[in-house]
Amino acid sequence: MTDLLAGQMHMTIEGATHPPRAHSIGQVRPLAVMSPQRLPALPDVPTMLENGYSGFPSASWTGVLAPAGTPASIVSKLNAGRQRRPPVAEISANFARFSAQAKVGSPQDFAAFIAVEAPKWAALVRDSGAKLE
């Protein structure tokens, strides 16, 4: 973002926290968002799909994980505590400031999500030719 604002590059892909601020004061012009739907913070900015790019990775995600082999009773207790404190509405309000969404579900829901996401992102990295250095 610093190089973009300094005119040293013509385009960047940034997390949703930067463009709303820079856009609101006229420093950047967002071209598209990578989420499946438009972001509340940037309601006039189309999605990649709306711009004609189907199959584009939709967004990044973050999750709460425990070591493999953690007893199910402990996982259940941790998940119950995570859903209770702070309230999901409060988390959602804080996430909305960053155009993010809090999704609370079961450990099984998250495992199923990861099972779909991991191969997709692995293929993207492999196809990009990126190498670990």
N, C-alpha and C. Protein backbone atom coordinates (compact mmCIF):
# COMPACT_ATOMS: atom_id res chain seq x y z
N MET A 1 0.84 -1.19 0.00
CA MET A 1 0.00 0.00 0.00
C MET A 1 0.89 1.25 0.00
N THR A 2 1.98 1.20 0.75
CA THR A 2 2.88 2.34 0.79
C THR A 2 3.45 2.64 -0.60
N ASP A 3 3.89 1.59 -1.32
CA ASP A 3 4.43 1.79 -2.67
C ASP A 3 3.37 2.27 -3.64
N LEU A 4 2.14 1.79 -3.50
CA LEU A 4 1.05 2.25 -4.35
C LEU A 4 0.79 3.74 -4.12
N LEU A 5 0.70 4.13 -2.87
CA LEU A 5 0.44 5.53 -2.54
C LEU A 5 1.60 6.44 -2.97
N ALA A 6 2.81 5.88 -3.01
CA ALA A 6 3.97 6.66 -3.42
C ALA A 6 4.15 6.68 -4.94
N GLY A 7 3.28 5.95 -5.67
CA GLY A 7 3.37 5.94 -7.12
C GLY A 7 4.44 5.00 -7.65
N GLN A 8 4.97 4.11 -6.81
CA GLN A 8 6.02 3.18 -7.25
C GLN A 8 5.45 1.91 -7.86
N MET A 9 4.15 1.71 -7.75
CA MET A 9 3.48 0.59 -8.40
C MET A 9 2.09 1.04 -8.80
N HIS A 10 1.50 0.33 -9.75
CA HIS A 10 0.22 0.75 -10.31
C HIS A 10 -0.98 0.03 -9.73
N MET A 11 -0.74 -1.08 -9.06
CA MET A 11 -1.82 -1.88 -8.54
C MET A 11 -1.32 -2.76 -7.40
N THR A 12 -2.21 -3.09 -6.49
CA THR A 12 -1.87 -4.02 -5.41
C THR A 12 -3.13 -4.76 -4.99
N ILE A 13 -2.95 -5.90 -4.38
CA ILE A 13 -4.06 -6.62 -3.76
C ILE A 13 -3.83 -6.52 -2.26
N GLU A 14 -4.77 -5.92 -1.58
CA GLU A 14 -4.64 -5.65 -0.16
C GLU A 14 -5.79 -6.26 0.63
N GLY A 15 -5.57 -6.42 1.92
CA GLY A 15 -6.66 -6.80 2.81
C GLY A 15 -7.67 -5.68 2.85
N ALA A 16 -8.87 -6.02 3.21
CA ALA A 16 -9.97 -5.04 3.17
C ALA A 16 -9.84 -3.93 4.20
N THR A 17 -8.85 -3.96 5.07
CA THR A 17 -8.72 -2.90 6.07
C THR A 17 -8.13 -1.62 5.48
N HIS A 18 -7.30 -1.72 4.45
CA HIS A 18 -6.65 -0.53 3.90
C HIS A 18 -7.51 0.27 2.93
N PRO A 19 -8.09 -0.35 1.90
CA PRO A 19 -8.79 0.45 0.89
C PRO A 19 -9.90 1.36 1.39
N PRO A 20 -10.77 0.93 2.34
CA PRO A 20 -11.82 1.87 2.75
C PRO A 20 -11.26 3.20 3.26
N ARG A 21 -10.19 3.16 4.04
CA ARG A 21 -9.60 4.41 4.55
C ARG A 21 -8.99 5.22 3.42
N ALA A 22 -8.15 4.57 2.62
CA ALA A 22 -7.48 5.29 1.54
C ALA A 22 -8.47 5.74 0.47
N HIS A 23 -9.48 4.95 0.23
CA HIS A 23 -10.51 5.30 -0.75
C HIS A 23 -11.32 6.50 -0.28
N SER A 24 -11.65 6.53 0.99
CA SER A 24 -12.51 7.61 1.51
C SER A 24 -11.84 8.98 1.41
N ILE A 25 -10.52 9.01 1.36
CA ILE A 25 -9.84 10.31 1.23
C ILE A 25 -9.24 10.48 -0.17
N GLY A 26 -9.66 9.62 -1.11
CA GLY A 26 -9.28 9.79 -2.51
C GLY A 26 -7.88 9.36 -2.87
N GLN A 27 -7.22 8.53 -2.05
CA GLN A 27 -5.86 8.12 -2.36
C GLN A 27 -5.79 6.91 -3.30
N VAL A 28 -6.79 6.06 -3.28
CA VAL A 28 -6.81 4.88 -4.16
C VAL A 28 -8.21 4.71 -4.75
N ARG A 29 -8.26 3.92 -5.80
CA ARG A 29 -9.55 3.58 -6.41
C ARG A 29 -9.69 2.06 -6.41
N PRO A 30 -10.49 1.51 -5.51
CA PRO A 30 -10.68 0.06 -5.50
C PRO A 30 -11.35 -0.39 -6.80
N LEU A 31 -10.82 -1.46 -7.40
CA LEU A 31 -11.36 -1.97 -8.65
C LEU A 31 -12.29 -3.15 -8.44
N ALA A 32 -12.00 -3.97 -7.42
CA ALA A 32 -12.82 -5.15 -7.16
C ALA A 32 -12.49 -5.69 -5.77
N VAL A 33 -13.45 -6.43 -5.22
CA VAL A 33 -13.21 -7.16 -3.97
C VAL A 33 -13.23 -8.65 -4.30
N MET A 34 -12.49 -9.44 -3.53
CA MET A 34 -12.38 -10.87 -3.81
C MET A 34 -13.41 -11.71 -3.07
N SER A 35 -14.25 -11.09 -2.28
CA SER A 35 -15.27 -11.84 -1.56
C SER A 35 -16.40 -12.23 -2.52
N PRO A 36 -17.19 -13.23 -2.16
CA PRO A 36 -18.29 -13.65 -3.03
C PRO A 36 -19.35 -12.55 -3.21
N GLN A 37 -19.47 -11.66 -2.23
CA GLN A 37 -20.44 -10.57 -2.33
C GLN A 37 -19.74 -9.25 -2.02
N ARG A 38 -20.36 -8.16 -2.40
CA ARG A 38 -19.79 -6.84 -2.13
C ARG A 38 -19.62 -6.63 -0.63
N LEU A 39 -18.65 -5.81 -0.27
CA LEU A 39 -18.38 -5.54 1.14
C LEU A 39 -19.18 -4.34 1.62
N PRO A 40 -19.73 -4.41 2.84
CA PRO A 40 -20.46 -3.26 3.38
C PRO A 40 -19.61 -1.98 3.43
N ALA A 41 -18.30 -2.13 3.67
CA ALA A 41 -17.44 -0.95 3.75
C ALA A 41 -17.17 -0.34 2.37
N LEU A 42 -17.38 -1.13 1.31
CA LEU A 42 -17.14 -0.66 -0.06
C LEU A 42 -18.31 -1.09 -0.95
N PRO A 43 -19.51 -0.60 -0.66
CA PRO A 43 -20.71 -1.10 -1.36
C PRO A 43 -20.73 -0.83 -2.86
N ASP A 44 -20.00 0.15 -3.35
CA ASP A 44 -20.01 0.47 -4.77
C ASP A 44 -18.90 -0.24 -5.55
N VAL A 45 -18.10 -1.05 -4.86
CA VAL A 45 -17.00 -1.75 -5.52
C VAL A 45 -17.47 -3.16 -5.89
N PRO A 46 -17.42 -3.51 -7.18
CA PRO A 46 -17.90 -4.83 -7.61
C PRO A 46 -16.97 -5.95 -7.16
N THR A 47 -17.49 -7.16 -7.20
CA THR A 47 -16.68 -8.34 -6.89
C THR A 47 -15.88 -8.73 -8.14
N MET A 48 -14.92 -9.64 -7.95
CA MET A 48 -14.16 -10.14 -9.09
C MET A 48 -15.10 -10.84 -10.07
N LEU A 49 -16.08 -11.58 -9.55
CA LEU A 49 -17.05 -12.27 -10.41
C LEU A 49 -17.84 -11.26 -11.24
N GLU A 50 -18.26 -10.16 -10.62
CA GLU A 50 -18.98 -9.13 -11.36
C GLU A 50 -18.11 -8.51 -12.46
N ASN A 51 -16.79 -8.55 -12.26
CA ASN A 51 -15.85 -8.03 -13.26
C ASN A 51 -15.48 -9.08 -14.30
N GLY A 52 -16.09 -10.27 -14.21
CA GLY A 52 -15.86 -11.29 -15.23
C GLY A 52 -14.81 -12.32 -14.89
N TYR A 53 -14.33 -12.36 -13.66
CA TYR A 53 -13.30 -13.32 -13.27
C TYR A 53 -13.92 -14.42 -12.42
N SER A 54 -14.39 -15.47 -13.07
CA SER A 54 -14.97 -16.58 -12.33
C SER A 54 -13.85 -17.50 -11.83
N GLY A 55 -14.13 -18.22 -10.77
CA GLY A 55 -13.15 -19.16 -10.24
C GLY A 55 -12.03 -18.50 -9.48
N PHE A 56 -12.11 -17.21 -9.28
CA PHE A 56 -11.07 -16.50 -8.54
C PHE A 56 -11.19 -16.85 -7.07
N PRO A 57 -10.06 -17.07 -6.36
CA PRO A 57 -10.18 -17.36 -4.93
C PRO A 57 -10.97 -16.25 -4.24
N SER A 58 -11.94 -16.65 -3.44
CA SER A 58 -12.89 -15.68 -2.92
C SER A 58 -12.37 -14.84 -1.78
N ALA A 59 -11.68 -15.40 -0.85
CA ALA A 59 -11.25 -14.61 0.30
C ALA A 59 -10.32 -15.44 1.17
N SER A 60 -9.67 -14.78 2.08
CA SER A 60 -8.84 -15.49 3.05
C SER A 60 -9.69 -15.81 4.27
N TRP A 61 -9.19 -16.67 5.12
CA TRP A 61 -9.92 -17.03 6.32
C TRP A 61 -8.94 -17.30 7.44
N THR A 62 -9.43 -17.23 8.64
CA THR A 62 -8.66 -17.50 9.84
C THR A 62 -9.50 -18.38 10.73
N GLY A 63 -8.87 -19.27 11.43
CA GLY A 63 -9.63 -20.16 12.31
C GLY A 63 -8.91 -20.41 13.61
N VAL A 64 -9.61 -21.01 14.52
CA VAL A 64 -9.06 -21.40 15.81
C VAL A 64 -8.79 -22.90 15.74
N LEU A 65 -7.55 -23.30 15.98
CA LEU A 65 -7.14 -24.69 15.87
C LEU A 65 -6.52 -25.19 17.17
N ALA A 66 -6.58 -26.49 17.37
CA ALA A 66 -5.93 -27.14 18.51
C ALA A 66 -5.02 -28.23 17.94
N PRO A 67 -4.04 -28.69 18.70
CA PRO A 67 -3.16 -29.74 18.19
C PRO A 67 -3.94 -31.01 17.83
N ALA A 68 -3.46 -31.71 16.79
CA ALA A 68 -4.08 -32.99 16.42
C ALA A 68 -4.05 -33.90 17.63
N GLY A 69 -5.09 -34.66 17.81
CA GLY A 69 -5.15 -35.59 18.93
C GLY A 69 -5.70 -35.00 20.21
N THR A 70 -6.07 -33.71 20.19
CA THR A 70 -6.68 -33.11 21.38
C THR A 70 -7.99 -33.85 21.65
N PRO A 71 -8.20 -34.30 22.88
CA PRO A 71 -9.43 -35.05 23.18
C PRO A 71 -10.68 -34.27 22.81
N ALA A 72 -11.68 -34.98 22.28
CA ALA A 72 -12.93 -34.37 21.84
C ALA A 72 -13.59 -33.57 22.95
N SER A 73 -13.47 -34.03 24.20
CA SER A 73 -14.08 -33.31 25.32
C SER A 73 -13.45 -31.93 25.49
N ILE A 74 -12.15 -31.84 25.28
CA ILE A 74 -11.44 -30.55 25.39
C ILE A 74 -11.84 -29.65 24.21
N VAL A 75 -11.89 -30.20 23.01
CA VAL A 75 -12.29 -29.42 21.83
C VAL A 75 -13.70 -28.87 22.03
N SER A 76 -14.59 -29.70 22.54
CA SER A 76 -15.98 -29.24 22.78
C SER A 76 -16.02 -28.11 23.80
N LYS A 77 -15.23 -28.26 24.85
CA LYS A 77 -15.19 -27.23 25.89
C LYS A 77 -14.62 -25.92 25.33
N LEU A 78 -13.55 -26.00 24.55
CA LEU A 78 -12.97 -24.80 23.94
C LEU A 78 -13.94 -24.14 22.98
N ASN A 79 -14.62 -24.95 22.17
CA ASN A 79 -15.57 -24.40 21.21
C ASN A 79 -16.74 -23.74 21.93
N ALA A 80 -17.24 -24.35 22.98
CA ALA A 80 -18.35 -23.76 23.74
C ALA A 80 -17.93 -22.43 24.34
N GLY A 81 -16.72 -22.36 24.89
CA GLY A 81 -16.22 -21.11 25.47
C GLY A 81 -16.03 -20.04 24.43
N ARG A 82 -15.57 -20.43 23.25
CA ARG A 82 -15.36 -19.47 22.16
C ARG A 82 -16.69 -18.89 21.70
N GLN A 83 -17.72 -19.68 21.71
CA GLN A 83 -19.02 -19.19 21.27
C GLN A 83 -19.69 -18.32 22.34
N ARG A 84 -19.27 -18.47 23.57
CA ARG A 84 -19.90 -17.75 24.68
C ARG A 84 -19.24 -16.40 24.95
N ARG A 85 -17.91 -16.30 24.86
CA ARG A 85 -17.21 -15.08 25.25
C ARG A 85 -16.23 -14.65 24.19
N PRO A 86 -16.20 -13.43 23.75
CA PRO A 86 -17.27 -12.44 23.84
C PRO A 86 -18.44 -12.86 22.97
N PRO A 87 -19.58 -12.22 23.16
CA PRO A 87 -20.75 -12.59 22.38
C PRO A 87 -20.47 -12.49 20.87
N VAL A 88 -21.06 -13.40 20.13
CA VAL A 88 -20.86 -13.42 18.69
C VAL A 88 -21.23 -12.08 18.06
N ALA A 89 -22.27 -11.43 18.55
CA ALA A 89 -22.67 -10.12 18.00
C ALA A 89 -21.55 -9.10 18.16
N GLU A 90 -20.87 -9.14 19.29
CA GLU A 90 -19.76 -8.21 19.53
C GLU A 90 -18.60 -8.51 18.58
N ILE A 91 -18.29 -9.79 18.40
CA ILE A 91 -17.23 -10.17 17.47
C ILE A 91 -17.59 -9.72 16.07
N SER A 92 -18.83 -9.97 15.67
CA SER A 92 -19.27 -9.59 14.32
C SER A 92 -19.15 -8.09 14.10
N ALA A 93 -19.51 -7.30 15.10
CA ALA A 93 -19.42 -5.84 14.98
C ALA A 93 -17.96 -5.41 14.81
N ASN A 94 -17.06 -6.02 15.57
CA ASN A 94 -15.64 -5.67 15.43
C ASN A 94 -15.10 -6.12 14.09
N PHE A 95 -15.47 -7.31 13.64
CA PHE A 95 -15.02 -7.79 12.35
C PHE A 95 -15.54 -6.91 11.22
N ALA A 96 -16.76 -6.42 11.32
CA ALA A 96 -17.35 -5.59 10.28
C ALA A 96 -16.52 -4.35 10.02
N ARG A 97 -15.85 -3.84 11.03
CA ARG A 97 -14.97 -2.68 10.83
C ARG A 97 -13.89 -2.99 9.82
N PHE A 98 -13.53 -4.27 9.68
CA PHE A 98 -12.48 -4.69 8.75
C PHE A 98 -13.05 -5.46 7.56
N SER A 99 -14.35 -5.31 7.32
CA SER A 99 -15.04 -6.01 6.24
C SER A 99 -14.85 -7.52 6.34
N ALA A 100 -14.81 -8.02 7.55
CA ALA A 100 -14.68 -9.46 7.79
C ALA A 100 -15.97 -9.97 8.43
N GLN A 101 -16.15 -11.27 8.40
CA GLN A 101 -17.35 -11.85 8.99
C GLN A 101 -16.93 -12.93 9.99
N ALA A 102 -17.59 -12.95 11.14
CA ALA A 102 -17.36 -14.00 12.13
C ALA A 102 -18.37 -15.10 11.87
N LYS A 103 -17.87 -16.29 11.64
CA LYS A 103 -18.74 -17.44 11.43
C LYS A 103 -18.45 -18.45 12.54
N VAL A 104 -19.44 -18.70 13.33
CA VAL A 104 -19.28 -19.64 14.44
C VAL A 104 -19.96 -20.94 14.06
N GLY A 105 -19.25 -22.02 14.22
CA GLY A 105 -19.81 -23.33 13.90
C GLY A 105 -19.14 -24.39 14.75
N SER A 106 -19.39 -25.59 14.38
CA SER A 106 -18.81 -26.72 15.12
C SER A 106 -17.41 -27.03 14.61
N PRO A 107 -16.62 -27.75 15.40
CA PRO A 107 -15.32 -28.20 14.90
C PRO A 107 -15.47 -29.06 13.64
N GLN A 108 -16.56 -29.80 13.54
CA GLN A 108 -16.79 -30.63 12.36
C GLN A 108 -17.05 -29.75 11.13
N ASP A 109 -17.79 -28.66 11.31
CA ASP A 109 -18.03 -27.72 10.21
C ASP A 109 -16.71 -27.15 9.70
N PHE A 110 -15.84 -26.78 10.64
CA PHE A 110 -14.57 -26.17 10.27
C PHE A 110 -13.66 -27.20 9.60
N ALA A 111 -13.66 -28.44 10.09
CA ALA A 111 -12.86 -29.50 9.46
C ALA A 111 -13.32 -29.73 8.02
N ALA A 112 -14.62 -29.72 7.80
CA ALA A 112 -15.15 -29.89 6.44
C ALA A 112 -14.74 -28.72 5.55
N PHE A 113 -14.78 -27.51 6.11
CA PHE A 113 -14.37 -26.32 5.36
C PHE A 113 -12.90 -26.43 4.96
N ILE A 114 -12.04 -26.81 5.91
CA ILE A 114 -10.61 -26.95 5.63
C ILE A 114 -10.37 -28.03 4.58
N ALA A 115 -11.14 -29.11 4.64
CA ALA A 115 -10.98 -30.20 3.67
C ALA A 115 -11.23 -29.72 2.24
N VAL A 116 -12.08 -28.73 2.07
CA VAL A 116 -12.35 -28.15 0.75
C VAL A 116 -11.31 -27.09 0.41
N GLU A 117 -10.95 -26.25 1.37
CA GLU A 117 -10.05 -25.12 1.13
C GLU A 117 -8.60 -25.54 0.91
N ALA A 118 -8.09 -26.48 1.67
CA ALA A 118 -6.67 -26.84 1.60
C ALA A 118 -6.25 -27.28 0.19
N PRO A 119 -6.96 -28.19 -0.46
CA PRO A 119 -6.54 -28.57 -1.81
C PRO A 119 -6.63 -27.42 -2.81
N LYS A 120 -7.63 -26.56 -2.64
CA LYS A 120 -7.79 -25.42 -3.55
C LYS A 120 -6.59 -24.49 -3.46
N TRP A 121 -6.17 -24.15 -2.24
CA TRP A 121 -5.05 -23.24 -2.07
C TRP A 121 -3.73 -23.92 -2.41
N ALA A 122 -3.60 -25.22 -2.14
CA ALA A 122 -2.39 -25.95 -2.51
C ALA A 122 -2.21 -25.94 -4.02
N ALA A 123 -3.30 -26.14 -4.76
CA ALA A 123 -3.24 -26.11 -6.22
C ALA A 123 -2.87 -24.71 -6.72
N LEU A 124 -3.41 -23.70 -6.11
CA LEU A 124 -3.11 -22.33 -6.51
C LEU A 124 -1.61 -22.04 -6.32
N VAL A 125 -1.07 -22.44 -5.19
CA VAL A 125 0.37 -22.22 -4.94
C VAL A 125 1.19 -23.04 -5.93
N ARG A 126 0.84 -24.31 -6.12
CA ARG A 126 1.57 -25.17 -7.05
C ARG A 126 1.54 -24.58 -8.47
N ASP A 127 0.36 -24.18 -8.92
CA ASP A 127 0.21 -23.65 -10.28
C ASP A 127 0.90 -22.30 -10.47
N SER A 128 1.09 -21.57 -9.38
CA SER A 128 1.75 -20.26 -9.48
C SER A 128 3.25 -20.40 -9.71
N GLY A 129 3.80 -21.57 -9.37
CA GLY A 129 5.24 -21.76 -9.49
C GLY A 129 6.02 -21.22 -8.30
N ALA A 130 5.32 -20.75 -7.27
CA ALA A 130 6.00 -20.23 -6.08
C ALA A 130 6.87 -21.29 -5.45
N LYS A 131 8.02 -20.91 -4.98
CA LYS A 131 8.97 -21.83 -4.35
C LYS A 131 9.30 -21.35 -2.94
N LEU A 132 9.44 -22.28 -2.03
CA LEU A 132 9.83 -21.96 -0.67
C LEU A 132 11.32 -21.60 -0.67
N GLU A 133 11.64 -20.43 -0.15
CA GLU A 133 13.04 -19.99 -0.12
C GLU A 133 13.49 -19.80 1.30
